[in-house]
PDB file of N, CA and C in Angstrom:
ATOM      1  N   UNK A   1    -114.185-129.921 109.646  1.00  0.00           N
ATOM      2  CA  UNK A   1    -114.200-131.069 110.091  1.00  0.00           C
ATOM      3  C   UNK A   1    -115.281-131.537 110.185  1.00  0.00           C
ATOM      4  N   UNK A   2    -114.925-133.100 109.806  1.00  0.00           N
ATOM      5  CA  UNK A   2    -116.896-134.533 109.977  1.00  0.00           C
ATOM      6  C   UNK A   2    -115.540-134.205 111.676  1.00  0.00           C
ATOM      7  N   UNK A   3    -117.577-134.844 112.097  1.00  0.00           N
ATOM      8  CA  UNK A   3    -117.516-134.893 113.464  1.00  0.00           C
ATOM      9  C   UNK A   3    -116.578-136.979 113.536  1.00  0.00           C
ATOM     10  N   UNK A   4    -116.473-137.407 113.116  1.00  0.00           N
ATOM     11  CA  UNK A   4    -116.295-138.620 112.513  1.00  0.00           C
ATOM     12  C   UNK A   4    -114.888-138.896 113.039  1.00  0.00           C
ATOM     13  N   UNK A   5    -113.562-137.338 112.662  1.00  0.00           N
ATOM     14  CA  UNK A   5    -112.984-137.488 112.582  1.00  0.00           C
ATOM     15  C   UNK A   5    -112.076-136.335 113.645  1.00  0.00           C
ATOM     16  N   UNK A   6    -113.196-136.131 115.135  1.00  0.00           N
ATOM     17  CA  UNK A   6    -112.723-135.566 115.888  1.00  0.00           C
ATOM     18  C   UNK A   6    -112.083-136.211 117.157  1.00  0.00           C
ATOM     19  N   UNK A   7    -110.762-135.610 117.851  1.00  0.00           N
ATOM     20  CA  UNK A   7    -110.662-136.471 118.556  1.00  0.00           C
ATOM     21  C   UNK A   7    -110.681-135.945 120.280  1.00  0.00           C
ATOM     22  N   UNK A   8    -110.759-136.912 120.897  1.00  0.00           N
ATOM     23  CA  UNK A   8    -111.678-136.484 122.164  1.00  0.00           C
ATOM     24  C   UNK A   8    -109.929-136.370 123.207  1.00  0.00           C
ATOM     25  N   UNK A   9    -109.688-135.969 123.551  1.00  0.00           N
ATOM     26  CA  UNK A   9    -108.593-135.667 125.171  1.00  0.00           C
ATOM     27  C   UNK A   9    -109.530-136.188 126.012  1.00  0.00           C
ATOM     28  N   UNK A  10    -108.612-137.221 126.235  1.00  0.00           N
ATOM     29  CA  UNK A  10    -108.976-137.771 128.445  1.00  0.00           C
ATOM     30  C   UNK A  10    -107.464-136.935 128.699  1.00  0.00           C
ATOM     31  N   UNK A  11    -107.679-136.503 130.117  1.00  0.00           N
ATOM     32  CA  UNK A  11    -106.983-135.811 130.581  1.00  0.00           C
ATOM     33  C   UNK A  11    -106.097-137.037 131.408  1.00  0.00           C
ATOM     34  N   UNK A  12    -105.548-137.188 132.124  1.00  0.00           N
ATOM     35  CA  UNK A  12    -105.078-137.802 133.477  1.00  0.00           C
ATOM     36  C   UNK A  12    -105.885-138.291 135.044  1.00  0.00           C
ATOM     37  N   UNK A  13    -106.635-139.507 135.097  1.00  0.00           N
ATOM     38  CA  UNK A  13    -107.122-139.544 136.388  1.00  0.00           C
ATOM     39  C   UNK A  13    -106.798-139.608 137.180  1.00  0.00           C
ATOM     40  N   UNK A  14    -107.799-138.046 138.003  1.00  0.00           N
ATOM     41  CA  UNK A  14    -108.003-137.371 139.500  1.00  0.00           C
ATOM     42  C   UNK A  14    -108.093-138.319 140.218  1.00  0.00           C
ATOM     43  N   UNK A  15    -107.147-138.662 140.972  1.00  0.00           N
ATOM     44  CA  UNK A  15    -107.472-139.620 142.752  1.00  0.00           C
ATOM     45  C   UNK A  15    -107.925-138.683 143.575  1.00  0.00           C
ATOM     46  N   UNK A  16    -108.654-139.797 144.742  1.00  0.00           N
ATOM     47  CA  UNK A  16    -110.191-139.259 145.750  1.00  0.00           C
ATOM     48  C   UNK A  16    -108.687-138.445 146.395  1.00  0.00           C
ATOM     49  N   UNK A  17    -108.186-137.570 146.742  1.00  0.00           N
ATOM     50  CA  UNK A  17    -107.403-136.950 147.688  1.00  0.00           C
ATOM     51  C   UNK A  17    -108.036-137.843 149.791  1.00  0.00           C
ATOM     52  N   UNK A  18    -108.922-138.300 149.736  1.00  0.00           N
ATOM     53  CA  UNK A  18    -108.790-138.862 150.649  1.00  0.00           C
ATOM     54  C   UNK A  18    -109.161-140.349 151.595  1.00  0.00           C
ATOM     55  N   UNK A  19    -108.982-141.163 149.982  1.00  0.00           N
ATOM     56  CA  UNK A  19    -108.693-142.181 149.036  1.00  0.00           C
ATOM     57  C   UNK A  19    -107.294-142.578 149.296  1.00  0.00           C
ATOM     58  N   UNK A  20    -106.301-141.351 148.511  1.00  0.00           N
ATOM     59  CA  UNK A  20    -104.999-141.207 148.861  1.00  0.00           C
ATOM     60  C   UNK A  20    -104.254-141.221 149.859  1.00  0.00           C
ATOM     61  N   UNK A  21    -104.833-140.139 150.561  1.00  0.00           N
ATOM     62  CA  UNK A  21    -104.136-139.711 152.033  1.00  0.00           C
ATOM     63  C   UNK A  21    -105.128-140.092 152.703  1.00  0.00           C
ATOM     64  N   UNK A  22    -104.752-141.335 153.875  1.00  0.00           N
ATOM     65  CA  UNK A  22    -105.878-141.890 154.481  1.00  0.00           C
ATOM     66  C   UNK A  22    -105.504-141.083 156.219  1.00  0.00           C
ATOM     67  N   UNK A  23    -104.956-140.563 156.348  1.00  0.00           N
ATOM     68  CA  UNK A  23    -104.813-139.244 157.403  1.00  0.00           C
ATOM     69  C   UNK A  23    -105.590-137.954 157.384  1.00  0.00           C
ATOM     70  N   UNK A  24    -106.038-137.488 156.297  1.00  0.00           N
ATOM     71  CA  UNK A  24    -107.156-137.153 155.986  1.00  0.00           C
ATOM     72  C   UNK A  24    -108.768-137.455 156.092  1.00  0.00           C
ATOM     73  N   UNK A  25    -109.287-135.934 156.973  1.00  0.00           N
ATOM     74  CA  UNK A  25    -110.550-137.260 157.126  1.00  0.00           C
ATOM     75  C   UNK A  25    -111.507-135.633 156.645  1.00  0.00           C
ATOM     76  N   UNK A  26    -112.583-135.678 156.872  1.00  0.00           N
ATOM     77  CA  UNK A  26    -114.098-134.823 156.492  1.00  0.00           C
ATOM     78  C   UNK A  26    -114.838-134.811 157.230  1.00  0.00           C
ATOM     79  N   UNK A  27    -114.399-133.197 158.248  1.00  0.00           N
ATOM     80  CA  UNK A  27    -115.186-132.821 159.012  1.00  0.00           C
ATOM     81  C   UNK A  27    -115.485-131.534 158.884  1.00  0.00           C
ATOM     82  N   UNK A  28    -116.600-131.844 159.297  1.00  0.00           N
ATOM     83  CA  UNK A  28    -117.299-129.916 158.726  1.00  0.00           C
ATOM     84  C   UNK A  28    -116.850-128.637 160.183  1.00  0.00           C
ATOM     85  N   UNK A  29    -115.805-129.305 161.297  1.00  0.00           N
ATOM     86  CA  UNK A  29    -115.074-128.704 161.646  1.00  0.00           C
ATOM     87  C   UNK A  29    -113.924-127.813 161.243  1.00  0.00           C
ATOM     88  N   UNK A  30    -113.626-128.281 160.178  1.00  0.00           N
ATOM     89  CA  UNK A  30    -112.743-127.647 159.530  1.00  0.00           C
ATOM     90  C   UNK A  30    -112.921-126.977 158.276  1.00  0.00           C
ATOM     91  N   UNK A  31    -113.318-125.637 157.633  1.00  0.00           N
ATOM     92  CA  UNK A  31    -113.668-124.798 157.076  1.00  0.00           C
ATOM     93  C   UNK A  31    -112.423-124.739 156.047  1.00  0.00           C
ATOM     94  N   UNK A  32    -111.321-124.770 156.262  1.00  0.00           N
ATOM     95  CA  UNK A  32    -110.070-124.313 155.682  1.00  0.00           C
ATOM     96  C   UNK A  32    -109.995-124.992 154.745  1.00  0.00           C
ATOM     97  N   UNK A  33    -110.140-126.513 155.358  1.00  0.00           N
ATOM     98  CA  UNK A  33    -110.259-127.711 154.570  1.00  0.00           C
ATOM     99  C   UNK A  33    -111.502-127.899 153.763  1.00  0.00           C
ATOM    100  N   UNK A  34    -112.442-127.824 154.066  1.00  0.00           N
ATOM    101  CA  UNK A  34    -113.646-127.494 152.708  1.00  0.00           C
ATOM    102  C   UNK A  34    -113.356-126.762 152.379  1.00  0.00           C
ATOM    103  N   UNK A  35    -112.942-125.344 152.368  1.00  0.00           N
ATOM    104  CA  UNK A  35    -113.555-124.735 151.302  1.00  0.00           C
ATOM    105  C   UNK A  35    -112.162-124.190 150.387  1.00  0.00           C
ATOM    106  N   UNK A  36    -111.890-126.417 149.839  1.00  0.00           N
ATOM    107  CA  UNK A  36    -110.741-126.532 148.679  1.00  0.00           C
ATOM    108  C   UNK A  36    -112.100-126.866 147.885  1.00  0.00           C
ATOM    109  N   UNK A  37    -113.103-127.382 148.169  1.00  0.00           N
ATOM    110  CA  UNK A  37    -114.297-127.720 147.672  1.00  0.00           C
ATOM    111  C   UNK A  37    -115.800-126.866 147.183  1.00  0.00           C
ATOM    112  N   UNK A  38    -115.271-125.779 147.409  1.00  0.00           N
ATOM    113  CA  UNK A  38    -115.964-124.802 147.699  1.00  0.00           C
ATOM    114  C   UNK A  38    -116.115-124.085 146.332  1.00  0.00           C
ATOM    115  N   UNK A  39    -116.894-123.751 145.976  1.00  0.00           N
ATOM    116  CA  UNK A  39    -116.663-122.590 144.652  1.00  0.00           C
ATOM    117  C   UNK A  39    -115.968-121.169 144.813  1.00  0.00           C
ATOM    118  N   UNK A  40    -115.856-120.039 144.835  1.00  0.00           N
ATOM    119  CA  UNK A  40    -115.736-118.196 144.724  1.00  0.00           C
ATOM    120  C   UNK A  40    -117.430-117.881 145.162  1.00  0.00           C
ATOM    121  N   UNK A  41    -118.661-118.396 144.170  1.00  0.00           N
ATOM    122  CA  UNK A  41    -119.755-118.325 144.498  1.00  0.00           C
ATOM    123  C   UNK A  41    -119.974-119.031 145.348  1.00  0.00           C
ATOM    124  N   UNK A  42    -119.317-120.309 146.259  1.00  0.00           N
ATOM    125  CA  UNK A  42    -120.156-120.963 147.324  1.00  0.00           C
ATOM    126  C   UNK A  42    -120.427-122.375 146.967  1.00  0.00           C
ATOM    127  N   UNK A  43    -120.503-122.603 145.803  1.00  0.00           N
ATOM    128  CA  UNK A  43    -121.600-123.686 145.324  1.00  0.00           C
ATOM    129  C   UNK A  43    -120.187-124.958 145.844  1.00  0.00           C
ATOM    130  N   UNK A  44    -120.967-126.479 146.047  1.00  0.00           N
ATOM    131  CA  UNK A  44    -119.913-127.089 145.987  1.00  0.00           C
ATOM    132  C   UNK A  44    -119.246-127.485 144.674  1.00  0.00           C
ATOM    133  N   UNK A  45    -118.177-128.402 145.033  1.00  0.00           N
ATOM    134  CA  UNK A  45    -117.739-128.599 143.768  1.00  0.00           C
ATOM    135  C   UNK A  45    -117.643-130.153 142.786  1.00  0.00           C
ATOM    136  N   UNK A  46    -118.559-130.613 141.922  1.00  0.00           N
ATOM    137  CA  UNK A  46    -118.849-131.821 141.425  1.00  0.00           C
ATOM    138  C   UNK A  46    -117.822-132.638 141.889  1.00  0.00           C
ATOM    139  N   UNK A  47    -118.476-133.874 142.012  1.00  0.00           N
ATOM    140  CA  UNK A  47    -117.355-135.037 141.622  1.00  0.00           C
ATOM    141  C   UNK A  47    -116.334-134.801 139.897  1.00  0.00           C
ATOM    142  N   UNK A  48    -116.979-135.018 139.212  1.00  0.00           N
ATOM    143  CA  UNK A  48    -115.951-134.986 138.065  1.00  0.00           C
ATOM    144  C   UNK A  48    -114.647-133.917 137.856  1.00  0.00           C
ATOM    145  N   UNK A  49    -114.895-132.955 138.458  1.00  0.00           N
ATOM    146  CA  UNK A  49    -113.975-131.687 138.580  1.00  0.00           C
ATOM    147  C   UNK A  49    -112.911-131.984 139.986  1.00  0.00           C
ATOM    148  N   UNK A  50    -113.707-131.891 141.032  1.00  0.00           N
ATOM    149  CA  UNK A  50    -112.574-132.466 142.641  1.00  0.00           C
ATOM    150  C   UNK A  50    -111.911-134.100 142.077  1.00  0.00           C
ATOM    151  N   UNK A  51    -112.852-134.715 141.583  1.00  0.00           N
ATOM    152  CA  UNK A  51    -112.095-136.371 141.894  1.00  0.00           C
ATOM    153  C   UNK A  51    -111.533-136.510 143.136  1.00  0.00           C
ATOM    154  N   UNK A  52    -113.322-136.245 143.915  1.00  0.00           N
ATOM    155  CA  UNK A  52    -113.237-137.228 144.831  1.00  0.00           C
ATOM    156  C   UNK A  52    -114.240-138.660 144.423  1.00  0.00           C
ATOM    157  N   UNK A  53    -113.929-139.238 144.978  1.00  0.00           N
ATOM    158  CA  UNK A  53    -114.459-140.435 144.658  1.00  0.00           C
ATOM    159  C   UNK A  53    -116.292-140.509 145.058  1.00  0.00           C
ATOM    160  N   UNK A  54    -117.354-140.931 144.985  1.00  0.00           N
ATOM    161  CA  UNK A  54    -118.360-140.554 145.416  1.00  0.00           C
ATOM    162  C   UNK A  54    -118.943-141.217 147.204  1.00  0.00           C
ATOM    163  N   UNK A  55    -118.330-142.281 147.544  1.00  0.00           N
ATOM    164  CA  UNK A  55    -118.547-141.849 148.653  1.00  0.00           C
ATOM    165  C   UNK A  55    -118.488-140.471 149.689  1.00  0.00           C
ATOM    166  N   UNK A  56    -116.661-140.494 149.294  1.00  0.00           N
ATOM    167  CA  UNK A  56    -116.836-139.181 150.229  1.00  0.00           C
ATOM    168  C   UNK A  56    -117.111-137.410 149.801  1.00  0.00           C
ATOM    169  N   UNK A  57    -117.714-137.868 148.585  1.00  0.00           N
ATOM    170  CA  UNK A  57    -118.447-136.775 147.989  1.00  0.00           C
ATOM    171  C   UNK A  57    -119.942-136.396 148.907  1.00  0.00           C
ATOM    172  N   UNK A  58    -120.542-138.024 149.273  1.00  0.00           N
ATOM    173  CA  UNK A  58    -121.647-137.580 150.212  1.00  0.00           C
ATOM    174  C   UNK A  58    -121.340-136.907 151.135  1.00  0.00           C
ATOM    175  N   UNK A  59    -119.770-137.388 152.021  1.00  0.00           N
ATOM    176  CA  UNK A  59    -119.443-136.840 153.225  1.00  0.00           C
ATOM    177  C   UNK A  59    -119.055-135.779 152.897  1.00  0.00           C
ATOM    178  N   UNK A  60    -118.608-134.865 152.223  1.00  0.00           N
ATOM    179  CA  UNK A  60    -118.086-134.010 151.479  1.00  0.00           C
ATOM    180  C   UNK A  60    -119.520-133.173 151.936  1.00  0.00           C
ATOM    181  N   UNK A  61    -119.975-133.230 151.165  1.00  0.00           N
ATOM    182  CA  UNK A  61    -121.825-132.343 151.040  1.00  0.00           C
ATOM    183  C   UNK A  61    -122.280-132.711 151.954  1.00  0.00           C
ATOM    184  N   UNK A  62    -122.773-133.509 152.737  1.00  0.00           N
ATOM    185  CA  UNK A  62    -122.945-133.323 154.047  1.00  0.00           C
ATOM    186  C   UNK A  62    -122.392-131.999 155.091  1.00  0.00           C
ATOM    187  N   UNK A  63    -120.699-132.394 155.002  1.00  0.00           N
ATOM    188  CA  UNK A  63    -120.168-131.683 156.639  1.00  0.00           C
ATOM    189  C   UNK A  63    -120.207-130.300 156.141  1.00  0.00           C
ATOM    190  N   UNK A  64    -120.554-130.190 154.240  1.00  0.00           N
ATOM    191  CA  UNK A  64    -120.871-128.674 153.738  1.00  0.00           C
ATOM    192  C   UNK A  64    -122.083-127.802 154.397  1.00  0.00           C
ATOM    193  N   UNK A  65    -123.281-128.881 154.645  1.00  0.00           N
ATOM    194  CA  UNK A  65    -123.662-128.666 154.664  1.00  0.00           C
ATOM    195  C   UNK A  65    -124.147-128.199 156.534  1.00  0.00           C
ATOM    196  N   UNK A  66    -123.158-128.978 157.140  1.00  0.00           N
ATOM    197  CA  UNK A  66    -123.581-129.255 158.488  1.00  0.00           C
ATOM    198  C   UNK A  66    -122.962-127.896 158.784  1.00  0.00           C
ATOM    199  N   UNK A  67    -121.564-126.890 158.459  1.00  0.00           N
ATOM    200  CA  UNK A  67    -120.670-126.299 158.692  1.00  0.00           C
ATOM    201  C   UNK A  67    -120.871-125.057 158.040  1.00  0.00           C
ATOM    202  N   UNK A  68    -122.668-124.873 157.068  1.00  0.00           N
ATOM    203  CA  UNK A  68    -123.187-123.747 157.109  1.00  0.00           C
ATOM    204  C   UNK A  68    -124.540-123.836 157.791  1.00  0.00           C
ATOM    205  N   UNK A  69    -124.833-124.689 158.732  1.00  0.00           N
ATOM    206  CA  UNK A  69    -125.679-124.940 159.201  1.00  0.00           C
ATOM    207  C   UNK A  69    -125.576-124.387 160.831  1.00  0.00           C
ATOM    208  N   UNK A  70    -124.397-125.079 161.272  1.00  0.00           N
ATOM    209  CA  UNK A  70    -123.784-124.315 162.683  1.00  0.00           C
ATOM    210  C   UNK A  70    -122.874-122.740 162.378  1.00  0.00           C
ATOM    211  N   UNK A  71    -122.667-122.490 161.277  1.00  0.00           N
ATOM    212  CA  UNK A  71    -122.302-120.667 160.706  1.00  0.00           C
ATOM    213  C   UNK A  71    -121.277-120.444 160.553  1.00  0.00           C
ATOM    214  N   UNK A  72    -119.861-121.651 159.846  1.00  0.00           N
ATOM    215  CA  UNK A  72    -118.693-121.400 159.636  1.00  0.00           C
ATOM    216  C   UNK A  72    -118.325-121.887 158.625  1.00  0.00           C
ATOM    217  N   UNK A  73    -119.467-121.452 157.549  1.00  0.00           N
ATOM    218  CA  UNK A  73    -119.341-121.206 156.412  1.00  0.00           C
ATOM    219  C   UNK A  73    -120.142-120.405 155.409  1.00  0.00           C
ATOM    220  N   UNK A  74    -119.738-119.453 154.817  1.00  0.00           N
ATOM    221  CA  UNK A  74    -121.470-118.771 153.849  1.00  0.00           C
ATOM    222  C   UNK A  74    -122.180-120.277 153.641  1.00  0.00           C
ATOM    223  N   UNK A  75    -123.446-119.259 153.330  1.00  0.00           N
ATOM    224  CA  UNK A  75    -124.466-120.277 152.393  1.00  0.00           C
ATOM    225  C   UNK A  75    -124.011-119.532 150.546  1.00  0.00           C
ATOM    226  N   UNK A  76    -123.392-118.187 150.170  1.00  0.00           N
ATOM    227  CA  UNK A  76    -123.284-117.760 149.511  1.00  0.00           C
ATOM    228  C   UNK A  76    -121.485-116.751 149.357  1.00  0.00           C
ATOM    229  N   UNK A  77    -121.052-116.437 149.017  1.00  0.00           N
ATOM    230  CA  UNK A  77    -119.976-115.880 148.874  1.00  0.00           C
ATOM    231  C   UNK A  77    -120.011-114.956 147.581  1.00  0.00           C
ATOM    232  N   UNK A  78    -121.483-114.585 147.740  1.00  0.00           N
ATOM    233  CA  UNK A  78    -121.433-114.070 146.872  1.00  0.00           C
ATOM    234  C   UNK A  78    -121.416-112.073 146.702  1.00  0.00           C
ATOM    235  N   UNK A  79    -120.497-111.130 146.429  1.00  0.00           N
ATOM    236  CA  UNK A  79    -120.632-110.383 147.652  1.00  0.00           C
ATOM    237  C   UNK A  79    -121.283-109.123 146.830  1.00  0.00           C
ATOM    238  N   UNK A  80    -121.958-108.033 146.858  1.00  0.00           N
ATOM    239  CA  UNK A  80    -123.116-106.846 145.994  1.00  0.00           C
ATOM    240  C   UNK A  80    -121.417-105.589 145.743  1.00  0.00           C
ATOM    241  N   UNK A  81    -120.933-105.616 144.633  1.00  0.00           N
ATOM    242  CA  UNK A  81    -119.726-105.080 143.974  1.00  0.00           C
ATOM    243  C   UNK A  81    -120.325-103.626 143.595  1.00  0.00           C
TER     244      UNK A  81
END
């Protein structure tokens, strides 16, 4: 198939969960909420995948780093198998 005939598939636009639900807030003391935005390897999920807006992604990143520093979350989740 020629490149000019390839079709791009665009999915539905993701909505920031923190902008949609005003009762949710980002806090480093709630690691159960922060784990939604961490991969199984312990990396922070990027915005384009999680759907978080830029402002909340910055807050989320800071909260994850702070939770790691006070030992509420691990730095890496990869175990030796």
